[in-house]
Amino acid sequence: MIRNLAFAALVAVMLPVAARAATIDTAGPRFGFSVDPDQLVLGGQMSIGEVAPHLSFDPNLDLGFGDHETVIALGFDFHYHFLLRNSDWVPYVGAGVGIHFVDVNEPAPFDETDTQVGGSIIAGAMVPTRSNNHFFGELKLGIGDAPSLKLLAGWNFRL
């Protein structure tokens, strides 16, 4: 019950933000691994404009495989971007909330599913490619019912 209310509150908070930022600037694949559970992570993310100066909304979807679990994670992240003089690199920090649908793959009767809500603190950097897309690397530290650590890399393509 509390998780359903938390999910409804999260959606209610995110809808005005998504409506305000009318354009999706970039989208693309991401990959990496997580710790606790130890998984290979594949997914995608998009970046929705500047919702405030230097602040982007970056929703994402990850699929985690391994450690006798399958995890589908929906993430609602915000990134604050720093501008560096004389550099194409753009470091960022952020925070996010995630909803994790977990399927534990154990022999019957121990097979179970669960829905968890957790947060994350994010640090990363992106750099433009020659084709004006972006390559990025990111570290996510989990809070609550989220993977303890995710290391990700990916490419975002301009739309």
N, C-alpha and C. Protein backbone atom coordinates (compact mmCIF):
# COMPACT_ATOMS: atom_id res chain seq x y z
N MET A 1 0.82 -1.19 0.00
CA MET A 1 0.00 0.00 0.00
C MET A 1 0.87 1.26 0.00
N ILE A 2 1.88 1.30 0.89
CA ILE A 2 2.75 2.47 0.97
C ILE A 2 3.54 2.63 -0.32
N ARG A 3 3.99 1.53 -0.89
CA ARG A 3 4.75 1.61 -2.16
C ARG A 3 3.87 2.14 -3.28
N ASN A 4 2.60 1.71 -3.32
CA ASN A 4 1.70 2.20 -4.35
C ASN A 4 1.47 3.70 -4.19
N LEU A 5 1.33 4.17 -2.95
CA LEU A 5 1.18 5.60 -2.71
C LEU A 5 2.44 6.36 -3.10
N ALA A 6 3.60 5.79 -2.79
CA ALA A 6 4.87 6.43 -3.16
C ALA A 6 4.98 6.53 -4.69
N PHE A 7 4.59 5.47 -5.39
CA PHE A 7 4.63 5.48 -6.84
C PHE A 7 3.69 6.54 -7.40
N ALA A 8 2.47 6.61 -6.87
CA ALA A 8 1.50 7.61 -7.33
C ALA A 8 2.01 9.02 -7.06
N ALA A 9 2.63 9.25 -5.90
CA ALA A 9 3.18 10.56 -5.59
C ALA A 9 4.32 10.91 -6.54
N LEU A 10 5.17 9.94 -6.85
CA LEU A 10 6.27 10.15 -7.77
C LEU A 10 5.76 10.55 -9.16
N VAL A 11 4.78 9.84 -9.66
CA VAL A 11 4.22 10.16 -10.97
C VAL A 11 3.60 11.55 -10.95
N ALA A 12 2.89 11.89 -9.87
CA ALA A 12 2.27 13.21 -9.75
C ALA A 12 3.31 14.33 -9.76
N VAL A 13 4.46 14.09 -9.15
CA VAL A 13 5.52 15.10 -9.13
C VAL A 13 6.20 15.21 -10.48
N MET A 14 6.40 14.09 -11.17
CA MET A 14 7.14 14.09 -12.43
C MET A 14 6.32 14.61 -13.62
N LEU A 15 5.03 14.48 -13.61
CA LEU A 15 4.22 14.91 -14.76
C LEU A 15 4.37 16.39 -15.08
N PRO A 16 4.29 17.30 -14.11
CA PRO A 16 4.49 18.71 -14.45
C PRO A 16 5.89 19.00 -14.99
N VAL A 17 6.88 18.31 -14.47
CA VAL A 17 8.26 18.50 -14.95
C VAL A 17 8.35 18.07 -16.40
N ALA A 18 7.80 16.90 -16.72
CA ALA A 18 7.85 16.40 -18.09
C ALA A 18 7.03 17.29 -19.03
N ALA A 19 5.92 17.81 -18.56
CA ALA A 19 5.09 18.68 -19.40
C ALA A 19 5.79 20.01 -19.67
N ARG A 20 6.52 20.54 -18.69
CA ARG A 20 7.22 21.80 -18.85
C ARG A 20 8.35 21.68 -19.87
N ALA A 21 9.07 20.59 -19.82
CA ALA A 21 10.16 20.36 -20.77
C ALA A 21 9.57 19.65 -21.98
N ALA A 22 9.23 20.42 -22.99
CA ALA A 22 8.45 19.90 -24.10
C ALA A 22 9.26 19.05 -25.07
N THR A 23 10.57 19.14 -25.06
CA THR A 23 11.33 18.42 -26.06
C THR A 23 12.32 17.44 -25.44
N ILE A 24 12.46 16.33 -26.11
CA ILE A 24 13.49 15.36 -25.75
C ILE A 24 14.72 15.72 -26.57
N ASP A 25 15.80 16.08 -25.90
CA ASP A 25 17.01 16.51 -26.62
C ASP A 25 17.81 15.32 -27.16
N THR A 26 18.02 14.32 -26.30
CA THR A 26 18.82 13.17 -26.70
C THR A 26 18.21 11.89 -26.13
N ALA A 27 18.55 10.78 -26.75
CA ALA A 27 18.13 9.46 -26.26
C ALA A 27 19.13 8.44 -26.77
N GLY A 28 19.27 7.32 -26.05
CA GLY A 28 20.18 6.30 -26.51
C GLY A 28 20.36 5.17 -25.53
N PRO A 29 21.20 4.20 -25.92
CA PRO A 29 21.42 3.02 -25.08
C PRO A 29 22.44 3.27 -23.99
N ARG A 30 22.39 2.43 -22.96
CA ARG A 30 23.38 2.44 -21.89
C ARG A 30 23.60 1.01 -21.43
N PHE A 31 24.77 0.75 -20.86
CA PHE A 31 25.10 -0.60 -20.41
C PHE A 31 26.08 -0.48 -19.25
N GLY A 32 26.19 -1.55 -18.48
CA GLY A 32 27.13 -1.55 -17.37
C GLY A 32 26.87 -2.72 -16.46
N PHE A 33 27.14 -2.51 -15.17
CA PHE A 33 26.89 -3.57 -14.21
C PHE A 33 26.47 -2.94 -12.88
N SER A 34 25.83 -3.78 -12.06
CA SER A 34 25.42 -3.34 -10.73
C SER A 34 25.99 -4.30 -9.69
N VAL A 35 26.05 -3.82 -8.47
CA VAL A 35 26.51 -4.61 -7.33
C VAL A 35 25.36 -4.67 -6.33
N ASP A 36 25.07 -5.85 -5.84
CA ASP A 36 24.02 -6.12 -4.86
C ASP A 36 22.65 -5.70 -5.36
N PRO A 37 22.11 -6.38 -6.37
CA PRO A 37 22.56 -7.65 -6.93
C PRO A 37 23.66 -7.45 -7.98
N ASP A 38 24.51 -8.49 -8.14
CA ASP A 38 25.59 -8.48 -9.13
C ASP A 38 24.99 -8.81 -10.48
N GLN A 39 24.84 -7.80 -11.33
CA GLN A 39 24.14 -8.00 -12.60
C GLN A 39 24.79 -7.26 -13.75
N LEU A 40 24.55 -7.80 -14.94
CA LEU A 40 24.80 -7.09 -16.18
C LEU A 40 23.57 -6.21 -16.40
N VAL A 41 23.78 -4.94 -16.72
CA VAL A 41 22.67 -4.00 -16.88
C VAL A 41 22.67 -3.48 -18.31
N LEU A 42 21.54 -3.57 -18.98
CA LEU A 42 21.33 -3.03 -20.32
C LEU A 42 20.10 -2.15 -20.28
N GLY A 43 20.13 -1.05 -20.99
CA GLY A 43 18.96 -0.18 -20.96
C GLY A 43 19.07 0.99 -21.89
N GLY A 44 18.31 2.00 -21.58
CA GLY A 44 18.29 3.21 -22.38
C GLY A 44 17.87 4.39 -21.53
N GLN A 45 18.19 5.57 -22.01
CA GLN A 45 17.79 6.78 -21.31
C GLN A 45 17.55 7.89 -22.30
N MET A 46 16.86 8.90 -21.85
CA MET A 46 16.67 10.11 -22.65
C MET A 46 16.96 11.31 -21.77
N SER A 47 17.24 12.41 -22.39
CA SER A 47 17.48 13.65 -21.66
C SER A 47 16.47 14.67 -22.15
N ILE A 48 15.70 15.19 -21.22
CA ILE A 48 14.66 16.15 -21.56
C ILE A 48 15.13 17.53 -21.14
N GLY A 49 15.55 18.30 -22.14
CA GLY A 49 15.93 19.69 -22.01
C GLY A 49 16.42 20.18 -20.68
N GLU A 50 16.50 21.48 -20.57
CA GLU A 50 16.85 22.11 -19.30
C GLU A 50 15.56 22.47 -18.60
N VAL A 51 15.26 21.77 -17.51
CA VAL A 51 14.06 22.09 -16.74
C VAL A 51 14.33 23.29 -15.83
N ALA A 52 15.59 23.61 -15.63
CA ALA A 52 16.08 24.80 -14.94
C ALA A 52 17.50 25.01 -15.47
N PRO A 53 18.11 26.16 -15.23
CA PRO A 53 19.47 26.35 -15.74
C PRO A 53 20.42 25.23 -15.29
N HIS A 54 21.05 24.58 -16.25
CA HIS A 54 22.02 23.50 -16.06
C HIS A 54 21.42 22.22 -15.48
N LEU A 55 20.09 22.11 -15.37
CA LEU A 55 19.44 20.95 -14.78
C LEU A 55 18.62 20.22 -15.84
N SER A 56 18.90 18.93 -16.03
CA SER A 56 18.14 18.13 -17.01
C SER A 56 17.38 17.02 -16.29
N PHE A 57 16.30 16.60 -16.90
CA PHE A 57 15.51 15.46 -16.42
C PHE A 57 15.88 14.29 -17.32
N ASP A 58 16.37 13.18 -16.73
CA ASP A 58 16.90 12.06 -17.49
C ASP A 58 16.23 10.74 -17.08
N PRO A 59 15.02 10.48 -17.57
CA PRO A 59 14.38 9.19 -17.23
C PRO A 59 15.10 8.05 -17.95
N ASN A 60 15.05 6.86 -17.34
CA ASN A 60 15.75 5.72 -17.92
C ASN A 60 15.04 4.42 -17.60
N LEU A 61 15.37 3.41 -18.37
CA LEU A 61 14.85 2.06 -18.19
C LEU A 61 16.03 1.11 -18.27
N ASP A 62 16.21 0.28 -17.24
CA ASP A 62 17.30 -0.69 -17.20
C ASP A 62 16.76 -2.10 -17.00
N LEU A 63 17.41 -3.06 -17.63
CA LEU A 63 17.12 -4.47 -17.41
C LEU A 63 18.38 -5.09 -16.83
N GLY A 64 18.26 -5.70 -15.66
CA GLY A 64 19.40 -6.33 -15.00
C GLY A 64 19.26 -7.84 -15.02
N PHE A 65 20.36 -8.54 -15.36
CA PHE A 65 20.36 -10.00 -15.45
C PHE A 65 21.52 -10.55 -14.64
N GLY A 66 21.25 -11.57 -13.83
CA GLY A 66 22.29 -12.23 -13.07
C GLY A 66 21.97 -12.31 -11.60
N ASP A 67 22.79 -13.05 -10.86
CA ASP A 67 22.65 -13.21 -9.42
C ASP A 67 21.28 -13.79 -9.05
N HIS A 68 20.77 -14.68 -9.90
CA HIS A 68 19.49 -15.36 -9.72
C HIS A 68 18.31 -14.40 -9.66
N GLU A 69 18.45 -13.22 -10.29
CA GLU A 69 17.37 -12.24 -10.32
C GLU A 69 17.29 -11.60 -11.69
N THR A 70 16.10 -11.16 -12.03
CA THR A 70 15.90 -10.30 -13.19
C THR A 70 15.25 -9.04 -12.65
N VAL A 71 15.82 -7.89 -12.98
CA VAL A 71 15.31 -6.62 -12.47
C VAL A 71 14.97 -5.71 -13.64
N ILE A 72 13.78 -5.15 -13.61
CA ILE A 72 13.38 -4.09 -14.53
C ILE A 72 13.30 -2.83 -13.68
N ALA A 73 14.10 -1.82 -14.02
CA ALA A 73 14.18 -0.60 -13.21
C ALA A 73 13.78 0.60 -14.04
N LEU A 74 12.82 1.36 -13.53
CA LEU A 74 12.44 2.64 -14.12
C LEU A 74 13.06 3.73 -13.26
N GLY A 75 13.86 4.59 -13.85
CA GLY A 75 14.53 5.64 -13.09
C GLY A 75 14.09 7.02 -13.53
N PHE A 76 13.94 7.89 -12.56
CA PHE A 76 13.56 9.28 -12.80
C PHE A 76 14.65 10.14 -12.18
N ASP A 77 15.65 10.50 -12.99
CA ASP A 77 16.85 11.17 -12.50
C ASP A 77 16.90 12.62 -12.94
N PHE A 78 17.50 13.44 -12.10
CA PHE A 78 17.82 14.82 -12.44
C PHE A 78 19.33 14.97 -12.38
N HIS A 79 19.90 15.65 -13.40
CA HIS A 79 21.35 15.87 -13.46
C HIS A 79 21.62 17.37 -13.47
N TYR A 80 22.53 17.81 -12.60
CA TYR A 80 23.00 19.19 -12.63
C TYR A 80 24.35 19.20 -13.34
N HIS A 81 24.45 19.95 -14.44
CA HIS A 81 25.64 19.95 -15.31
C HIS A 81 26.54 21.14 -14.98
N PHE A 82 27.86 20.86 -14.91
CA PHE A 82 28.86 21.89 -14.67
C PHE A 82 29.54 22.21 -15.99
N LEU A 83 29.77 23.49 -16.24
CA LEU A 83 30.48 23.90 -17.45
C LEU A 83 31.93 24.15 -17.10
N LEU A 84 32.84 23.53 -17.85
CA LEU A 84 34.27 23.69 -17.64
C LEU A 84 34.84 24.58 -18.72
N ARG A 85 35.70 25.49 -18.32
CA ARG A 85 36.36 26.35 -19.31
C ARG A 85 37.35 25.53 -20.13
N ASN A 86 37.41 25.82 -21.41
CA ASN A 86 38.36 25.20 -22.33
C ASN A 86 38.29 23.67 -22.34
N SER A 87 37.09 23.12 -22.17
CA SER A 87 36.93 21.67 -22.19
C SER A 87 35.58 21.30 -22.78
N ASP A 88 35.55 20.21 -23.53
CA ASP A 88 34.28 19.69 -24.05
C ASP A 88 33.58 18.80 -23.03
N TRP A 89 34.31 18.35 -22.02
CA TRP A 89 33.74 17.47 -21.00
C TRP A 89 32.73 18.24 -20.16
N VAL A 90 31.62 17.57 -19.82
CA VAL A 90 30.60 18.16 -18.97
C VAL A 90 30.33 17.21 -17.81
N PRO A 91 30.95 17.47 -16.63
CA PRO A 91 30.65 16.63 -15.47
C PRO A 91 29.27 16.99 -14.92
N TYR A 92 28.67 16.03 -14.22
CA TYR A 92 27.37 16.29 -13.62
C TYR A 92 27.21 15.48 -12.33
N VAL A 93 26.34 15.97 -11.48
CA VAL A 93 25.92 15.27 -10.28
C VAL A 93 24.40 15.25 -10.32
N GLY A 94 23.82 14.32 -9.60
CA GLY A 94 22.37 14.27 -9.61
C GLY A 94 21.81 13.36 -8.56
N ALA A 95 20.50 13.21 -8.64
CA ALA A 95 19.77 12.34 -7.73
C ALA A 95 18.56 11.82 -8.48
N GLY A 96 18.06 10.70 -8.02
CA GLY A 96 16.89 10.14 -8.70
C GLY A 96 16.12 9.18 -7.81
N VAL A 97 14.96 8.82 -8.30
CA VAL A 97 14.09 7.84 -7.66
C VAL A 97 13.86 6.74 -8.67
N GLY A 98 13.87 5.50 -8.21
CA GLY A 98 13.66 4.38 -9.12
C GLY A 98 12.63 3.40 -8.58
N ILE A 99 11.92 2.79 -9.51
CA ILE A 99 10.98 1.73 -9.19
C ILE A 99 11.56 0.46 -9.79
N HIS A 100 11.74 -0.57 -8.96
CA HIS A 100 12.41 -1.80 -9.38
C HIS A 100 11.44 -2.96 -9.28
N PHE A 101 11.24 -3.63 -10.40
CA PHE A 101 10.41 -4.83 -10.45
C PHE A 101 11.37 -6.01 -10.45
N VAL A 102 11.37 -6.77 -9.37
CA VAL A 102 12.37 -7.82 -9.15
C VAL A 102 11.71 -9.19 -9.26
N ASP A 103 12.31 -10.07 -10.05
CA ASP A 103 11.87 -11.47 -10.16
C ASP A 103 13.05 -12.33 -9.72
N VAL A 104 12.90 -12.99 -8.57
CA VAL A 104 13.94 -13.87 -8.05
C VAL A 104 13.77 -15.23 -8.70
N ASN A 105 14.80 -15.70 -9.38
CA ASN A 105 14.76 -16.95 -10.15
C ASN A 105 15.35 -18.09 -9.35
N GLU A 106 14.59 -18.65 -8.46
CA GLU A 106 15.00 -19.78 -7.64
C GLU A 106 14.06 -20.95 -7.93
N PRO A 107 14.48 -22.17 -7.63
CA PRO A 107 13.58 -23.31 -7.82
C PRO A 107 12.32 -23.14 -6.97
N ALA A 108 11.20 -23.63 -7.50
CA ALA A 108 9.92 -23.55 -6.78
C ALA A 108 10.07 -24.22 -5.43
N PRO A 109 9.50 -23.80 -4.39
CA PRO A 109 8.53 -22.70 -4.23
C PRO A 109 9.18 -21.38 -3.84
N PHE A 110 10.49 -21.21 -4.05
CA PHE A 110 11.19 -20.01 -3.60
C PHE A 110 11.20 -18.89 -4.63
N ASP A 111 10.67 -19.15 -5.82
CA ASP A 111 10.58 -18.12 -6.86
C ASP A 111 9.62 -17.04 -6.37
N GLU A 112 10.02 -15.77 -6.46
CA GLU A 112 9.15 -14.71 -5.99
C GLU A 112 9.36 -13.45 -6.81
N THR A 113 8.40 -12.55 -6.73
CA THR A 113 8.50 -11.24 -7.37
C THR A 113 8.25 -10.18 -6.31
N ASP A 114 8.79 -8.99 -6.57
CA ASP A 114 8.64 -7.89 -5.61
C ASP A 114 8.76 -6.58 -6.38
N THR A 115 8.15 -5.54 -5.86
CA THR A 115 8.30 -4.19 -6.38
C THR A 115 8.92 -3.36 -5.28
N GLN A 116 10.00 -2.66 -5.62
CA GLN A 116 10.74 -1.88 -4.63
C GLN A 116 10.94 -0.45 -5.14
N VAL A 117 10.98 0.49 -4.22
CA VAL A 117 11.23 1.89 -4.56
C VAL A 117 12.50 2.30 -3.82
N GLY A 118 13.41 2.92 -4.53
CA GLY A 118 14.67 3.36 -3.93
C GLY A 118 15.17 4.61 -4.61
N GLY A 119 16.20 5.19 -4.05
CA GLY A 119 16.78 6.40 -4.61
C GLY A 119 18.22 6.18 -5.02
N SER A 120 18.80 7.21 -5.60
CA SER A 120 20.21 7.12 -5.98
C SER A 120 20.84 8.51 -5.98
N ILE A 121 22.13 8.51 -5.74
CA ILE A 121 22.96 9.70 -5.88
C ILE A 121 23.88 9.42 -7.07
N ILE A 122 24.04 10.39 -7.94
CA ILE A 122 24.66 10.17 -9.24
C ILE A 122 25.85 11.11 -9.45
N ALA A 123 26.91 10.58 -10.05
CA ALA A 123 28.04 11.39 -10.50
C ALA A 123 28.45 10.86 -11.87
N GLY A 124 28.70 11.76 -12.79
CA GLY A 124 29.07 11.31 -14.13
C GLY A 124 29.69 12.42 -14.94
N ALA A 125 29.98 12.09 -16.19
CA ALA A 125 30.52 13.07 -17.13
C ALA A 125 30.13 12.65 -18.53
N MET A 126 29.92 13.65 -19.38
CA MET A 126 29.65 13.36 -20.78
C MET A 126 30.56 14.22 -21.65
N VAL A 127 30.78 13.73 -22.86
CA VAL A 127 31.62 14.44 -23.81
C VAL A 127 30.99 14.28 -25.20
N PRO A 128 30.99 15.35 -26.00
CA PRO A 128 30.42 15.21 -27.35
C PRO A 128 31.33 14.38 -28.26
N THR A 129 30.71 13.68 -29.17
CA THR A 129 31.44 12.93 -30.19
C THR A 129 31.58 13.80 -31.43
N ARG A 130 32.29 13.33 -32.43
CA ARG A 130 32.47 14.10 -33.67
C ARG A 130 31.15 14.37 -34.38
N SER A 131 30.20 13.46 -34.21
CA SER A 131 28.89 13.63 -34.86
C SER A 131 27.91 14.43 -34.00
N ASN A 132 28.41 15.09 -32.95
CA ASN A 132 27.63 15.93 -32.05
C ASN A 132 26.61 15.15 -31.21
N ASN A 133 26.86 13.87 -31.01
CA ASN A 133 26.10 13.09 -30.04
C ASN A 133 26.90 13.14 -28.74
N HIS A 134 26.50 12.37 -27.72
CA HIS A 134 27.22 12.41 -26.45
C HIS A 134 27.54 11.01 -25.95
N PHE A 135 28.78 10.81 -25.52
CA PHE A 135 29.18 9.60 -24.80
C PHE A 135 29.20 9.98 -23.33
N PHE A 136 28.78 9.06 -22.44
CA PHE A 136 28.80 9.37 -21.02
C PHE A 136 29.20 8.17 -20.18
N GLY A 137 29.70 8.45 -19.00
CA GLY A 137 29.99 7.45 -17.97
C GLY A 137 29.35 7.93 -16.68
N GLU A 138 28.82 6.98 -15.91
CA GLU A 138 28.04 7.37 -14.74
C GLU A 138 28.20 6.38 -13.60
N LEU A 139 28.21 6.87 -12.38
CA LEU A 139 28.23 6.07 -11.17
C LEU A 139 26.97 6.42 -10.38
N LYS A 140 26.21 5.39 -10.00
CA LYS A 140 24.99 5.60 -9.22
C LYS A 140 25.12 4.83 -7.91
N LEU A 141 24.99 5.54 -6.79
CA LEU A 141 25.00 4.91 -5.48
C LEU A 141 23.55 4.79 -5.00
N GLY A 142 23.14 3.57 -4.67
CA GLY A 142 21.77 3.32 -4.29
C GLY A 142 21.45 3.69 -2.86
N ILE A 143 20.22 4.12 -2.65
CA ILE A 143 19.69 4.44 -1.33
C ILE A 143 18.39 3.64 -1.17
N GLY A 144 18.25 2.97 -0.06
CA GLY A 144 17.02 2.19 0.17
C GLY A 144 17.01 0.94 -0.67
N ASP A 145 15.86 0.65 -1.29
CA ASP A 145 15.70 -0.56 -2.09
C ASP A 145 16.15 -0.34 -3.53
N ALA A 146 17.40 0.01 -3.71
CA ALA A 146 18.00 0.18 -5.03
C ALA A 146 19.33 -0.57 -5.03
N PRO A 147 19.82 -0.99 -6.21
CA PRO A 147 21.15 -1.61 -6.22
C PRO A 147 22.17 -0.70 -5.55
N SER A 148 23.08 -1.28 -4.75
CA SER A 148 24.05 -0.49 -4.00
C SER A 148 24.91 0.38 -4.90
N LEU A 149 25.25 -0.13 -6.07
CA LEU A 149 26.16 0.57 -6.96
C LEU A 149 25.87 0.16 -8.40
N LYS A 150 25.84 1.15 -9.29
CA LYS A 150 25.75 0.88 -10.73
C LYS A 150 26.84 1.69 -11.41
N LEU A 151 27.58 1.05 -12.31
CA LEU A 151 28.53 1.73 -13.18
C LEU A 151 27.99 1.58 -14.59
N LEU A 152 27.78 2.70 -15.27
CA LEU A 152 27.14 2.69 -16.58
C LEU A 152 27.92 3.53 -17.58
N ALA A 153 27.81 3.17 -18.83
CA ALA A 153 28.33 3.97 -19.94
C ALA A 153 27.29 3.93 -21.04
N GLY A 154 27.28 4.93 -21.88
CA GLY A 154 26.29 4.93 -22.96
C GLY A 154 26.51 6.06 -23.95
N TRP A 155 25.63 6.08 -24.94
CA TRP A 155 25.64 7.09 -25.97
C TRP A 155 24.25 7.68 -26.06
N ASN A 156 24.20 9.00 -26.12
CA ASN A 156 22.93 9.68 -26.34
C ASN A 156 23.01 10.38 -27.69
N PHE A 157 22.02 10.13 -28.52
CA PHE A 157 21.96 10.68 -29.86
C PHE A 157 20.99 11.84 -29.90
N ARG A 158 21.37 12.90 -30.59
CA ARG A 158 20.48 14.07 -30.73
C ARG A 158 19.27 13.68 -31.57
N LEU A 159 18.12 14.16 -31.13
CA LEU A 159 16.87 13.89 -31.85
C LEU A 159 16.41 15.11 -32.60
